[in-house]
Each structure stands twice: as C-alpha cells, then as structure tokens.
Amino acid sequence: NQFGVKLPRNTALQVKVGETVAINELQPGDLVFFKTGRSHRTRHVGIYLDHGRFMHASSSRGVTTSSLDNEYWATAYWTAKRIDPKLLHHS
C-alpha cells in the first residue's frame, strides 16, 4: 500500500509476475525467492536492498535483513523477479 503496488498474496503467484533477473543483476526493489525447509517445498520471498542484502519477514525475528551470501540463503536461493510498478498500481 505504501507504494501503491498490489502484489499477489502468496509466493506461488508472486513468482509468476515480472521479469526474471539474474542474481548478479539484482537492483533494489527486486523480489528474491527461496525454496526453504527440509524438502525445499516451502517458498519464501524477500525484497532486495543492495550489496547482497535483502529484507524479509522472519517467523522468529519479524522483519529483518539478511545476506544472499549467508550459507542458508545461498543454498535456498531460487530466482529473482523485477516487477514493473506500472503494471501493478491500484486502479
């Protein structure tokens, strides 16, 4: 709501929106997706900030920042998407 952008509610739909971006071409605001959990079936999403850092909601720590270089997140990394805000503004 802060930016007037409406994304789908869950990661399964969010990952279908926007243009795929290579990890070495990430820009602030890009969505970064992860496959987490023991079976890698759980999906998690964050917002890329800069210098390999992203913001996400942690069930144990609330909203936090993490590094893509962290072993856990590097292993769980799935894909990234760049969303064109013009396509998602509220009407």
N, C-alpha and C. Protein backbone atom coordinates (compact mmCIF):
# COMPACT_ATOMS: atom_id res chain seq x y z
N ASN A 1 0.83 -1.21 0.00
CA ASN A 1 0.00 0.00 0.00
C ASN A 1 0.86 1.25 0.00
N GLN A 2 1.99 1.20 0.68
CA GLN A 2 2.88 2.36 0.79
C GLN A 2 3.27 2.90 -0.58
N PHE A 3 3.48 2.01 -1.55
CA PHE A 3 3.94 2.42 -2.86
C PHE A 3 2.85 2.34 -3.92
N GLY A 4 1.63 2.04 -3.51
CA GLY A 4 0.54 1.94 -4.47
C GLY A 4 0.66 0.73 -5.38
N VAL A 5 1.35 -0.30 -4.91
CA VAL A 5 1.56 -1.51 -5.70
C VAL A 5 0.82 -2.66 -5.04
N LYS A 6 0.15 -3.44 -5.86
CA LYS A 6 -0.58 -4.60 -5.33
C LYS A 6 0.02 -5.86 -5.92
N LEU A 7 0.61 -6.69 -5.05
CA LEU A 7 1.17 -7.98 -5.46
C LEU A 7 0.22 -9.10 -5.09
N PRO A 8 0.30 -10.23 -5.79
CA PRO A 8 -0.48 -11.39 -5.35
C PRO A 8 -0.10 -11.74 -3.91
N ARG A 9 -1.00 -12.40 -3.20
CA ARG A 9 -0.83 -12.67 -1.77
C ARG A 9 0.26 -13.69 -1.46
N ASN A 10 0.42 -14.71 -2.32
CA ASN A 10 1.37 -15.77 -1.97
C ASN A 10 2.52 -15.89 -2.98
N THR A 11 3.58 -16.54 -2.54
CA THR A 11 4.78 -16.63 -3.37
C THR A 11 4.56 -17.42 -4.65
N ALA A 12 3.67 -18.40 -4.62
CA ALA A 12 3.40 -19.20 -5.83
C ALA A 12 2.88 -18.30 -6.96
N LEU A 13 2.11 -17.28 -6.62
CA LEU A 13 1.61 -16.35 -7.63
C LEU A 13 2.60 -15.21 -7.87
N GLN A 14 3.28 -14.74 -6.83
CA GLN A 14 4.23 -13.65 -6.98
C GLN A 14 5.35 -14.00 -7.95
N VAL A 15 5.82 -15.24 -7.90
CA VAL A 15 6.95 -15.64 -8.74
C VAL A 15 6.57 -15.67 -10.22
N LYS A 16 5.28 -15.62 -10.52
CA LYS A 16 4.82 -15.63 -11.91
C LYS A 16 4.72 -14.22 -12.50
N VAL A 17 4.92 -13.20 -11.64
CA VAL A 17 4.79 -11.81 -12.07
C VAL A 17 6.17 -11.21 -12.32
N GLY A 18 6.29 -10.42 -13.36
CA GLY A 18 7.53 -9.70 -13.59
C GLY A 18 8.52 -10.44 -14.46
N GLU A 19 9.68 -9.83 -14.58
CA GLU A 19 10.75 -10.33 -15.44
C GLU A 19 11.81 -11.01 -14.58
N THR A 20 12.26 -12.18 -14.99
CA THR A 20 13.31 -12.89 -14.27
C THR A 20 14.62 -12.11 -14.37
N VAL A 21 15.32 -12.02 -13.25
CA VAL A 21 16.56 -11.26 -13.17
C VAL A 21 17.67 -12.18 -12.66
N ALA A 22 18.82 -12.12 -13.30
CA ALA A 22 19.97 -12.90 -12.82
C ALA A 22 20.44 -12.35 -11.48
N ILE A 23 20.96 -13.23 -10.64
CA ILE A 23 21.38 -12.83 -9.30
C ILE A 23 22.45 -11.74 -9.34
N ASN A 24 23.28 -11.73 -10.36
CA ASN A 24 24.33 -10.72 -10.45
C ASN A 24 23.83 -9.41 -11.06
N GLU A 25 22.55 -9.33 -11.38
CA GLU A 25 21.95 -8.11 -11.94
C GLU A 25 20.86 -7.54 -11.05
N LEU A 26 20.80 -8.00 -9.80
CA LEU A 26 19.76 -7.52 -8.89
C LEU A 26 19.86 -6.02 -8.64
N GLN A 27 18.70 -5.40 -8.54
CA GLN A 27 18.60 -3.98 -8.22
C GLN A 27 17.66 -3.83 -7.03
N PRO A 28 17.83 -2.74 -6.26
CA PRO A 28 16.92 -2.51 -5.14
C PRO A 28 15.46 -2.58 -5.58
N GLY A 29 14.67 -3.30 -4.81
CA GLY A 29 13.25 -3.47 -5.11
C GLY A 29 12.91 -4.77 -5.80
N ASP A 30 13.90 -5.47 -6.35
CA ASP A 30 13.64 -6.77 -6.97
C ASP A 30 13.21 -7.76 -5.90
N LEU A 31 12.35 -8.68 -6.28
CA LEU A 31 11.92 -9.73 -5.35
C LEU A 31 12.87 -10.91 -5.48
N VAL A 32 13.33 -11.43 -4.36
CA VAL A 32 14.20 -12.61 -4.36
C VAL A 32 13.44 -13.76 -3.72
N PHE A 33 13.45 -14.91 -4.38
CA PHE A 33 12.67 -16.06 -3.96
C PHE A 33 13.58 -17.20 -3.53
N PHE A 34 13.10 -17.94 -2.53
CA PHE A 34 13.87 -19.04 -1.96
C PHE A 34 12.98 -20.26 -1.80
N LYS A 35 13.58 -21.44 -1.90
CA LYS A 35 12.92 -22.70 -1.57
C LYS A 35 13.55 -23.15 -0.26
N THR A 36 12.75 -23.18 0.78
CA THR A 36 13.28 -23.44 2.12
C THR A 36 12.68 -24.70 2.72
N GLY A 37 13.09 -25.00 3.93
CA GLY A 37 12.59 -26.18 4.63
C GLY A 37 13.36 -27.42 4.22
N ARG A 38 13.13 -28.48 4.95
CA ARG A 38 13.85 -29.74 4.69
C ARG A 38 13.64 -30.26 3.28
N SER A 39 12.43 -30.15 2.78
CA SER A 39 12.13 -30.68 1.45
C SER A 39 12.25 -29.63 0.35
N HIS A 40 12.58 -28.41 0.73
CA HIS A 40 12.66 -27.29 -0.21
C HIS A 40 11.34 -27.04 -0.93
N ARG A 41 10.26 -27.38 -0.24
CA ARG A 41 8.93 -27.14 -0.83
C ARG A 41 8.30 -25.86 -0.32
N THR A 42 8.81 -25.33 0.77
CA THR A 42 8.30 -24.08 1.30
C THR A 42 8.91 -22.94 0.50
N ARG A 43 8.11 -21.94 0.19
CA ARG A 43 8.59 -20.81 -0.58
C ARG A 43 8.70 -19.59 0.34
N HIS A 44 9.71 -18.76 0.09
CA HIS A 44 9.95 -17.57 0.89
C HIS A 44 10.36 -16.46 -0.06
N VAL A 45 9.97 -15.23 0.24
CA VAL A 45 10.30 -14.11 -0.64
C VAL A 45 10.82 -12.95 0.19
N GLY A 46 11.75 -12.21 -0.41
CA GLY A 46 12.28 -11.00 0.21
C GLY A 46 12.40 -9.92 -0.83
N ILE A 47 12.73 -8.72 -0.38
CA ILE A 47 12.93 -7.58 -1.27
C ILE A 47 14.41 -7.23 -1.24
N TYR A 48 15.03 -7.25 -2.41
CA TYR A 48 16.45 -6.95 -2.50
C TYR A 48 16.70 -5.50 -2.14
N LEU A 49 17.73 -5.26 -1.31
CA LEU A 49 18.09 -3.90 -0.90
C LEU A 49 19.31 -3.41 -1.67
N ASP A 50 20.48 -3.96 -1.38
CA ASP A 50 21.72 -3.59 -2.04
C ASP A 50 22.86 -4.43 -1.49
N HIS A 51 23.96 -4.46 -2.20
CA HIS A 51 25.18 -5.15 -1.74
C HIS A 51 24.92 -6.55 -1.19
N GLY A 52 24.03 -7.31 -1.86
CA GLY A 52 23.75 -8.67 -1.45
C GLY A 52 22.80 -8.81 -0.27
N ARG A 53 22.22 -7.71 0.17
CA ARG A 53 21.30 -7.76 1.31
C ARG A 53 19.85 -7.70 0.84
N PHE A 54 18.98 -8.38 1.57
CA PHE A 54 17.55 -8.34 1.28
C PHE A 54 16.77 -8.27 2.59
N MET A 55 15.56 -7.74 2.50
CA MET A 55 14.66 -7.61 3.63
C MET A 55 13.57 -8.66 3.49
N HIS A 56 13.20 -9.28 4.59
CA HIS A 56 12.16 -10.30 4.55
C HIS A 56 11.54 -10.45 5.93
N ALA A 57 10.42 -11.15 5.98
CA ALA A 57 9.75 -11.39 7.25
C ALA A 57 10.17 -12.76 7.78
N SER A 58 10.75 -12.76 8.95
CA SER A 58 11.17 -14.00 9.61
C SER A 58 10.14 -14.38 10.65
N SER A 59 9.77 -15.65 10.69
CA SER A 59 8.77 -16.07 11.68
C SER A 59 9.30 -15.91 13.09
N SER A 60 10.62 -15.98 13.27
CA SER A 60 11.18 -15.87 14.62
C SER A 60 11.65 -14.46 14.97
N ARG A 61 12.02 -13.65 13.96
CA ARG A 61 12.58 -12.32 14.25
C ARG A 61 11.77 -11.16 13.68
N GLY A 62 10.65 -11.43 13.05
CA GLY A 62 9.89 -10.35 12.41
C GLY A 62 10.59 -9.90 11.14
N VAL A 63 10.37 -8.66 10.74
CA VAL A 63 11.01 -8.14 9.53
C VAL A 63 12.49 -7.90 9.84
N THR A 64 13.35 -8.45 8.99
CA THR A 64 14.79 -8.39 9.22
C THR A 64 15.51 -8.30 7.89
N THR A 65 16.81 -8.08 7.95
CA THR A 65 17.62 -8.11 6.74
C THR A 65 18.59 -9.29 6.84
N SER A 66 18.89 -9.87 5.69
CA SER A 66 19.81 -10.99 5.62
C SER A 66 20.69 -10.81 4.38
N SER A 67 21.72 -11.64 4.28
CA SER A 67 22.64 -11.58 3.16
C SER A 67 22.46 -12.79 2.25
N LEU A 68 22.49 -12.54 0.96
CA LEU A 68 22.43 -13.64 -0.01
C LEU A 68 23.67 -14.52 0.09
N ASP A 69 24.74 -14.00 0.68
CA ASP A 69 25.97 -14.77 0.87
C ASP A 69 25.89 -15.73 2.04
N ASN A 70 24.91 -15.53 2.92
CA ASN A 70 24.73 -16.44 4.05
C ASN A 70 24.51 -17.85 3.50
N GLU A 71 25.17 -18.84 4.09
CA GLU A 71 25.11 -20.22 3.58
C GLU A 71 23.67 -20.72 3.42
N TYR A 72 22.83 -20.44 4.42
CA TYR A 72 21.43 -20.91 4.36
C TYR A 72 20.72 -20.30 3.15
N TRP A 73 20.81 -18.98 3.00
CA TRP A 73 20.09 -18.31 1.92
C TRP A 73 20.71 -18.60 0.56
N ALA A 74 22.01 -18.73 0.50
CA ALA A 74 22.68 -19.06 -0.77
C ALA A 74 22.23 -20.43 -1.27
N THR A 75 22.08 -21.38 -0.36
CA THR A 75 21.64 -22.72 -0.72
C THR A 75 20.17 -22.74 -1.11
N ALA A 76 19.36 -21.91 -0.44
CA ALA A 76 17.92 -21.89 -0.67
C ALA A 76 17.50 -21.01 -1.85
N TYR A 77 18.42 -20.19 -2.37
CA TYR A 77 18.07 -19.24 -3.43
C TYR A 77 17.43 -19.96 -4.61
N TRP A 78 16.36 -19.36 -5.13
CA TRP A 78 15.61 -19.96 -6.24
C TRP A 78 15.68 -19.07 -7.47
N THR A 79 15.15 -17.86 -7.39
CA THR A 79 15.10 -16.96 -8.54
C THR A 79 14.83 -15.54 -8.05
N ALA A 80 14.84 -14.60 -8.98
CA ALA A 80 14.51 -13.21 -8.66
C ALA A 80 13.64 -12.64 -9.77
N LYS A 81 12.80 -11.69 -9.40
CA LYS A 81 11.89 -11.06 -10.36
C LYS A 81 11.94 -9.55 -10.20
N ARG A 82 11.88 -8.86 -11.32
CA ARG A 82 11.76 -7.41 -11.33
C ARG A 82 10.34 -7.08 -11.76
N ILE A 83 9.66 -6.33 -10.93
CA ILE A 83 8.26 -6.00 -11.17
C ILE A 83 8.17 -4.59 -11.74
N ASP A 84 7.44 -4.45 -12.83
CA ASP A 84 7.19 -3.13 -13.40
C ASP A 84 6.02 -2.52 -12.63
N PRO A 85 6.27 -1.52 -11.80
CA PRO A 85 5.22 -0.96 -10.95
C PRO A 85 4.03 -0.44 -11.75
N LYS A 86 4.24 -0.02 -13.00
CA LYS A 86 3.13 0.48 -13.81
C LYS A 86 2.06 -0.59 -14.03
N LEU A 87 2.48 -1.85 -14.00
CA LEU A 87 1.53 -2.94 -14.23
C LEU A 87 0.74 -3.29 -12.99
N LEU A 88 1.20 -2.83 -11.83
CA LEU A 88 0.61 -3.29 -10.57
C LEU A 88 -0.07 -2.21 -9.75
N HIS A 89 -0.09 -0.98 -10.22
CA HIS A 89 -0.72 0.09 -9.44
C HIS A 89 -2.21 -0.16 -9.26
N HIS A 90 -2.68 0.24 -8.11
CA HIS A 90 -4.12 0.16 -7.84
C HIS A 90 -4.84 1.04 -8.85
N SER A 91 -6.03 0.62 -9.25
CA SER A 91 -6.78 1.45 -10.19
C SER A 91 -7.78 2.31 -9.47
